Protein backbone atom coordinates (compact mmCIF):
# COMPACT_ATOMS: atom_id res chain seq x y z
CA MET A 1 4.73 6.16 -17.28
CA LYS A 2 5.17 2.45 -16.61
CA ALA A 3 5.44 0.63 -13.31
CA LEU A 4 6.51 -2.96 -12.89
CA LEU A 5 5.02 -3.74 -9.48
CA GLN A 6 6.08 -6.72 -7.39
CA ARG A 7 4.45 -7.74 -4.13
CA VAL A 8 7.29 -8.48 -1.71
CA SER A 9 7.89 -9.85 1.75
CA ARG A 10 10.98 -7.62 1.92
CA ALA A 11 13.29 -5.70 -0.39
CA SER A 12 16.30 -3.40 -0.34
CA VAL A 13 18.46 -1.32 -2.64
CA THR A 14 22.20 -0.80 -2.24
CA VAL A 15 24.37 1.85 -3.91
CA ASN A 16 28.16 1.74 -3.54
CA GLY A 17 27.89 -0.79 -0.73
CA ARG A 18 25.40 1.34 1.27
CA VAL A 19 21.72 0.47 1.73
CA THR A 20 19.76 3.50 0.51
CA GLY A 21 16.30 2.04 0.96
CA GLU A 22 14.63 -1.03 2.43
CA ILE A 23 11.14 -2.20 3.26
CA SER A 24 9.41 -5.21 4.70
CA ARG A 25 5.98 -6.22 3.36
CA GLY A 26 4.78 -4.14 0.46
CA PHE A 27 5.56 -3.29 -3.15
CA VAL A 28 8.73 -2.83 -5.14
CA ILE A 29 8.00 -0.57 -8.07
CA LEU A 30 10.38 -0.29 -10.98
CA LEU A 31 9.27 3.02 -12.51
CA GLY A 32 9.86 4.14 -16.09
CA VAL A 33 9.15 7.59 -17.53
CA THR A 34 8.74 8.53 -21.18
CA HIS A 35 8.96 11.92 -22.93
CA THR A 36 5.25 12.75 -22.85
CA ASP A 37 4.66 11.92 -19.18
CA THR A 38 3.45 14.67 -16.85
CA GLU A 39 2.35 14.98 -13.24
CA ALA A 40 -1.09 13.76 -14.39
CA GLU A 41 0.38 10.34 -15.23
CA ALA A 42 2.17 10.23 -11.88
CA ILE A 43 -1.05 11.03 -10.01
CA TRP A 44 -3.02 8.41 -11.95
CA LEU A 45 -0.37 5.75 -11.40
CA ALA A 46 -0.01 6.54 -7.68
CA ALA A 47 -3.78 6.20 -7.24
CA LYS A 48 -3.71 2.88 -9.09
CA VAL A 49 -0.88 1.56 -6.90
CA ALA A 50 -2.56 2.73 -3.69
CA GLY A 51 -5.85 1.09 -4.60
CA LEU A 52 -4.64 -2.27 -5.89
CA ARG A 53 -6.00 -5.18 -3.91
CA VAL A 54 -3.35 -7.87 -4.30
CA PHE A 55 -2.75 -8.95 -0.71
CA GLU A 56 -4.57 -11.99 0.59
CA ASP A 57 -7.42 -11.73 3.06
CA SER A 58 -8.29 -14.34 5.70
CA GLU A 59 -9.86 -16.52 3.01
CA GLY A 60 -6.74 -16.48 0.82
CA LYS A 61 -8.24 -14.18 -1.82
CA MET A 62 -6.42 -11.13 -3.20
CA ASN A 63 -8.72 -8.61 -1.59
CA LEU A 64 -6.55 -6.28 0.53
CA SER A 65 -4.70 -3.12 -0.46
CA LEU A 66 -1.31 -1.83 0.60
CA ALA A 67 -2.95 0.38 3.23
CA ASP A 68 -5.01 -2.55 4.55
CA VAL A 69 -1.84 -4.51 5.35
CA GLY A 70 0.27 -1.55 6.52
CA GLY A 71 2.68 -2.08 3.63
CA ALA A 72 5.47 0.14 2.33
CA LEU A 73 6.96 0.89 -1.09
CA LEU A 74 10.45 0.70 -2.52
CA ILE A 75 10.53 2.75 -5.72
CA ILE A 76 13.39 2.39 -8.19
CA SER A 77 13.74 4.55 -11.29
CA GLN A 78 14.10 2.19 -14.26
CA PHE A 79 14.61 3.76 -17.70
CA THR A 80 15.08 0.31 -19.23
CA LEU A 81 11.31 -0.29 -18.98
CA TYR A 82 11.17 1.81 -22.14
CA GLY A 83 13.81 -0.28 -23.88
CA ASP A 84 12.89 -1.59 -27.32
CA ALA A 85 14.60 -4.86 -28.25
CA ARG A 86 12.42 -5.75 -31.25
CA ARG A 87 15.31 -5.19 -33.65
CA GLY A 88 18.92 -6.21 -33.39
CA ARG A 89 20.64 -7.39 -30.26
CA ARG A 90 21.09 -4.12 -28.41
CA PRO A 91 17.98 -2.38 -27.08
CA SER A 92 17.11 1.17 -28.02
CA PHE A 93 16.16 3.51 -25.21
CA THR A 94 14.88 6.43 -27.30
CA GLU A 95 11.44 6.19 -25.68
CA ALA A 96 12.89 6.73 -22.19
CA ALA A 97 12.71 10.30 -20.92
CA THR A 98 15.87 12.30 -20.34
CA PRO A 99 17.05 12.48 -16.73
CA ALA A 100 16.05 16.17 -16.59
CA HIS A 101 12.45 15.18 -17.42
CA ALA A 102 12.29 11.87 -15.56
CA GLU A 103 13.87 12.67 -12.20
CA PRO A 104 11.31 15.30 -11.11
CA LEU A 105 8.43 13.00 -12.15
CA VAL A 106 9.87 10.07 -10.20
CA ALA A 107 10.16 12.34 -7.15
CA TYR A 108 6.61 13.63 -7.69
CA PHE A 109 5.29 10.05 -7.89
CA CYS A 110 7.07 9.16 -4.62
CA ASN A 111 5.81 12.31 -2.89
CA THR A 112 2.25 11.67 -4.09
CA LEU A 113 2.31 8.29 -2.34
CA ARG A 114 3.94 9.76 0.77
CA ALA A 115 1.16 12.37 0.91
CA GLN A 116 -1.32 9.48 1.10
CA GLY A 117 0.43 8.23 4.23
CA PHE A 118 2.60 5.49 2.74
CA THR A 119 6.19 4.84 3.73
CA VAL A 120 8.28 5.19 0.57
CA ALA A 121 11.93 4.16 0.26
CA THR A 122 13.93 4.81 -2.91
CA GLY A 123 17.11 4.09 -4.73
CA VAL A 124 19.38 6.83 -6.07
CA PHE A 125 18.30 8.27 -9.42
CA GLY A 126 20.81 7.49 -12.16
CA ALA A 127 23.06 5.36 -9.95
CA HIS A 128 24.06 1.74 -10.46
CA MET A 129 21.91 -0.08 -7.92
CA ASN A 130 21.76 -3.59 -6.54
CA VAL A 131 18.15 -4.40 -5.76
CA GLU A 132 17.25 -7.37 -3.58
CA ILE A 133 13.64 -8.44 -4.04
CA HIS A 134 11.86 -11.20 -2.16
CA ASN A 135 8.85 -11.55 -4.45
CA ASP A 136 5.82 -12.77 -2.50
CA GLY A 137 3.62 -15.15 -4.44
CA PRO A 138 5.09 -14.28 -6.86
CA VAL A 139 2.80 -11.40 -7.75
CA THR A 140 4.08 -9.12 -10.52
CA LEU A 141 2.00 -6.63 -12.52
CA MET A 142 2.82 -4.15 -15.28
CA LEU A 143 0.88 -0.92 -14.80
CA GLU A 144 0.62 1.65 -17.54
CA ARG A 145 -1.90 4.32 -18.34
CA GLU A 146 -3.67 3.55 -21.61
CA PRO A 147 -2.95 6.20 -24.26
CA ALA A 148 -6.71 6.63 -24.88
CA LEU A 149 -7.12 7.79 -21.27
CA LEU A 150 -4.59 10.61 -21.59
């Protein structure tokens, strides 16, 4: 499971002209799932996201977590995070999980964060989405569980 995390001042997602999710200060997470991912990866990644200290404290240092600043999350399923463009001009997506495998894990990841008290907005799984991101900083991190930790 991979998460491209962006610290934002605000963000929204629109599907077919309708806003399906929006947040103010917090994180946008583009979330990718691969074939071998399980609920264990979702739990690990949710804990990592919840504990990251990337918001500035009164001294301007990245020392505060999402909970410390009362932030929210906008989570967007993103199979293209598992795209492989090393060969040719068209990426291969064979490492991306099938929708039947990925959709429940994306939902589980979202629900794990909700259970920790976070406000979580989402896009629509499998839909064409327009995502508006106001990256704050910018701060962007790729989070992925190391295979050796599995």
